[in-house]
Amino acid sequence: MRRQKAVLLGDLFGEFLKSEGLEQGIKRMEVFEAWDTTVGVRITELTSEKFFKDGRLYCKISSSVARTQLFTQRLEIIKKINDIMGSKIVKEIIFK
């Protein structure tokens, strides 16, 4: 009987996530966590809904004042989220 080449557990887990279609869901959760970390507790509390698809992060902000401030800082926020994620996954943030 021949020995098979050793495979790292992390690689196996990554392949499993891809094959089961779970990788996108995990990335989405990581983007939401990066949003919370980037904007802080107060803005996180004002964010009632988040949705991420095709590089766009949609955030419903309950305060119009906070929404306006976030809109002016959106490029900075995108850069910080992408730095946390380690890749340019977020291309645009849309505030509602």
C-alpha atoms as a PDB file:
ATOM      1  CA  MET A   1       0.000   0.000   0.000  1.00  0.00           C
ATOM      2  CA  ARG A   2       1.390   3.417  -0.976  1.00  0.00           C
ATOM      3  CA  ARG A   3       1.361   6.463   1.222  1.00  0.00           C
ATOM      4  CA  GLN A   4      -0.645   9.387   0.001  1.00  0.00           C
ATOM      5  CA  LYS A   5       0.777  12.874  -0.079  1.00  0.00           C
ATOM      6  CA  ALA A   6       0.051  14.784   3.126  1.00  0.00           C
ATOM      7  CA  VAL A   7      -2.637  17.456   2.876  1.00  0.00           C
ATOM      8  CA  LEU A   8      -2.978  20.369   5.264  1.00  0.00           C
ATOM      9  CA  LEU A   9      -6.209  20.444   7.240  1.00  0.00           C
ATOM     10  CA  GLY A  10      -6.727  24.130   6.400  1.00  0.00           C
ATOM     11  CA  ASP A  11      -6.538  23.333   2.676  1.00  0.00           C
ATOM     12  CA  LEU A  12      -9.055  20.525   3.061  1.00  0.00           C
ATOM     13  CA  PHE A  13     -11.396  22.790   4.999  1.00  0.00           C
ATOM     14  CA  GLY A  14     -11.135  25.504   2.331  1.00  0.00           C
ATOM     15  CA  GLU A  15     -11.945  22.998  -0.413  1.00  0.00           C
ATOM     16  CA  PHE A  16     -14.911  21.735   1.603  1.00  0.00           C
ATOM     17  CA  LEU A  17     -16.294  25.261   2.029  1.00  0.00           C
ATOM     18  CA  LYS A  18     -15.993  25.915  -1.706  1.00  0.00           C
ATOM     19  CA  SER A  19     -17.604  22.612  -2.666  1.00  0.00           C
ATOM     20  CA  GLU A  20     -20.541  23.204  -0.322  1.00  0.00           C
ATOM     21  CA  GLY A  21     -21.013  26.813  -1.432  1.00  0.00           C
ATOM     22  CA  LEU A  22     -20.290  28.193   2.042  1.00  0.00           C
ATOM     23  CA  GLU A  23     -17.252  30.303   1.210  1.00  0.00           C
ATOM     24  CA  GLN A  24     -19.307  33.339   0.114  1.00  0.00           C
ATOM     25  CA  GLY A  25     -21.350  33.273   3.322  1.00  0.00           C
ATOM     26  CA  ILE A  26     -18.211  33.271   5.441  1.00  0.00           C
ATOM     27  CA  LYS A  27     -16.701  36.136   3.409  1.00  0.00           C
ATOM     28  CA  ARG A  28     -19.928  38.093   3.885  1.00  0.00           C
ATOM     29  CA  MET A  29     -19.757  37.627   7.663  1.00  0.00           C
ATOM     30  CA  GLU A  30     -16.102  38.711   7.654  1.00  0.00           C
ATOM     31  CA  VAL A  31     -17.037  41.876   5.728  1.00  0.00           C
ATOM     32  CA  PHE A  32     -19.755  42.647   8.296  1.00  0.00           C
ATOM     33  CA  GLU A  33     -17.275  42.160  11.152  1.00  0.00           C
ATOM     34  CA  ALA A  34     -14.767  44.424   9.371  1.00  0.00           C
ATOM     35  CA  TRP A  35     -17.530  47.054   9.005  1.00  0.00           C
ATOM     36  CA  ASP A  36     -18.274  46.895  12.744  1.00  0.00           C
ATOM     37  CA  THR A  37     -14.575  47.174  13.603  1.00  0.00           C
ATOM     38  CA  THR A  38     -13.997  50.059  11.189  1.00  0.00           C
ATOM     39  CA  VAL A  39     -16.951  52.281  12.086  1.00  0.00           C
ATOM     40  CA  GLY A  40     -17.067  51.599  15.824  1.00  0.00           C
ATOM     41  CA  VAL A  41     -19.783  50.802  18.332  1.00  0.00           C
ATOM     42  CA  ARG A  42     -21.951  53.910  17.874  1.00  0.00           C
ATOM     43  CA  ILE A  43     -22.332  53.549  14.094  1.00  0.00           C
ATOM     44  CA  THR A  44     -22.766  49.779  14.450  1.00  0.00           C
ATOM     45  CA  GLU A  45     -25.732  50.488  16.737  1.00  0.00           C
ATOM     46  CA  LEU A  46     -27.189  52.832  14.092  1.00  0.00           C
ATOM     47  CA  THR A  47     -26.773  50.210  11.349  1.00  0.00           C
ATOM     48  CA  SER A  48     -30.044  48.300  11.163  1.00  0.00           C
ATOM     49  CA  GLU A  49     -29.396  46.203   8.046  1.00  0.00           C
ATOM     50  CA  LYS A  50     -26.318  45.098   6.101  1.00  0.00           C
ATOM     51  CA  PHE A  51     -26.139  43.282   2.800  1.00  0.00           C
ATOM     52  CA  PHE A  52     -23.078  42.387   0.701  1.00  0.00           C
ATOM     53  CA  LYS A  53     -23.136  41.294  -2.930  1.00  0.00           C
ATOM     54  CA  ASP A  54     -20.844  41.704  -5.948  1.00  0.00           C
ATOM     55  CA  GLY A  55     -18.382  43.971  -4.146  1.00  0.00           C
ATOM     56  CA  ARG A  56     -21.104  46.302  -2.872  1.00  0.00           C
ATOM     57  CA  LEU A  57     -21.815  46.720   0.830  1.00  0.00           C
ATOM     58  CA  TYR A  58     -25.319  48.049   1.470  1.00  0.00           C
ATOM     59  CA  CYS A  59     -25.884  49.566   4.918  1.00  0.00           C
ATOM     60  CA  LYS A  60     -29.132  50.964   6.274  1.00  0.00           C
ATOM     61  CA  ILE A  61     -28.278  53.742   8.729  1.00  0.00           C
ATOM     62  CA  SER A  62     -31.074  55.001  10.996  1.00  0.00           C
ATOM     63  CA  SER A  63     -29.586  58.492  11.473  1.00  0.00           C
ATOM     64  CA  SER A  64     -29.497  60.884   8.516  1.00  0.00           C
ATOM     65  CA  VAL A  65     -26.670  62.865  10.137  1.00  0.00           C
ATOM     66  CA  ALA A  66     -24.536  59.735  10.579  1.00  0.00           C
ATOM     67  CA  ARG A  67     -25.412  58.622   7.032  1.00  0.00           C
ATOM     68  CA  THR A  68     -24.157  61.933   5.625  1.00  0.00           C
ATOM     69  CA  GLN A  69     -20.906  61.731   7.603  1.00  0.00           C
ATOM     70  CA  LEU A  70     -20.349  58.139   6.528  1.00  0.00           C
ATOM     71  CA  PHE A  71     -20.998  59.064   2.901  1.00  0.00           C
ATOM     72  CA  THR A  72     -18.216  61.656   3.001  1.00  0.00           C
ATOM     73  CA  GLN A  73     -15.843  59.102   4.596  1.00  0.00           C
ATOM     74  CA  ARG A  74     -16.846  56.123   2.445  1.00  0.00           C
ATOM     75  CA  LEU A  75     -13.538  55.848   0.536  1.00  0.00           C
ATOM     76  CA  GLU A  76     -11.592  55.748   3.803  1.00  0.00           C
ATOM     77  CA  ILE A  77     -13.985  53.146   5.201  1.00  0.00           C
ATOM     78  CA  ILE A  78     -13.651  50.991   2.074  1.00  0.00           C
ATOM     79  CA  LYS A  79      -9.848  51.131   2.337  1.00  0.00           C
ATOM     80  CA  LYS A  80      -9.898  50.140   6.021  1.00  0.00           C
ATOM     81  CA  ILE A  81     -12.310  47.256   5.432  1.00  0.00           C
ATOM     82  CA  ASN A  82     -10.202  45.982   2.531  1.00  0.00           C
ATOM     83  CA  ASP A  83      -7.060  46.257   4.683  1.00  0.00           C
ATOM     84  CA  ILE A  84      -8.738  44.118   7.343  1.00  0.00           C
ATOM     85  CA  MET A  85      -9.929  41.623   4.715  1.00  0.00           C
ATOM     86  CA  GLY A  86      -6.510  41.439   3.074  1.00  0.00           C
ATOM     87  CA  SER A  87      -7.907  42.008  -0.421  1.00  0.00           C
ATOM     88  CA  LYS A  88      -9.994  44.511  -2.343  1.00  0.00           C
ATOM     89  CA  ILE A  89     -13.278  42.725  -1.757  1.00  0.00           C
ATOM     90  CA  VAL A  90     -15.402  45.843  -1.080  1.00  0.00           C
ATOM     91  CA  LYS A  91     -15.583  48.163  -4.083  1.00  0.00           C
ATOM     92  CA  GLU A  92     -18.483  50.376  -3.067  1.00  0.00           C
ATOM     93  CA  ILE A  93     -20.601  51.200  -0.018  1.00  0.00           C
ATOM     94  CA  ILE A  94     -24.211  52.216  -0.508  1.00  0.00           C
ATOM     95  CA  PHE A  95     -25.970  53.902   2.398  1.00  0.00           C
ATOM     96  CA  LYS A  96     -29.741  53.802   2.739  1.00  0.00           C
END
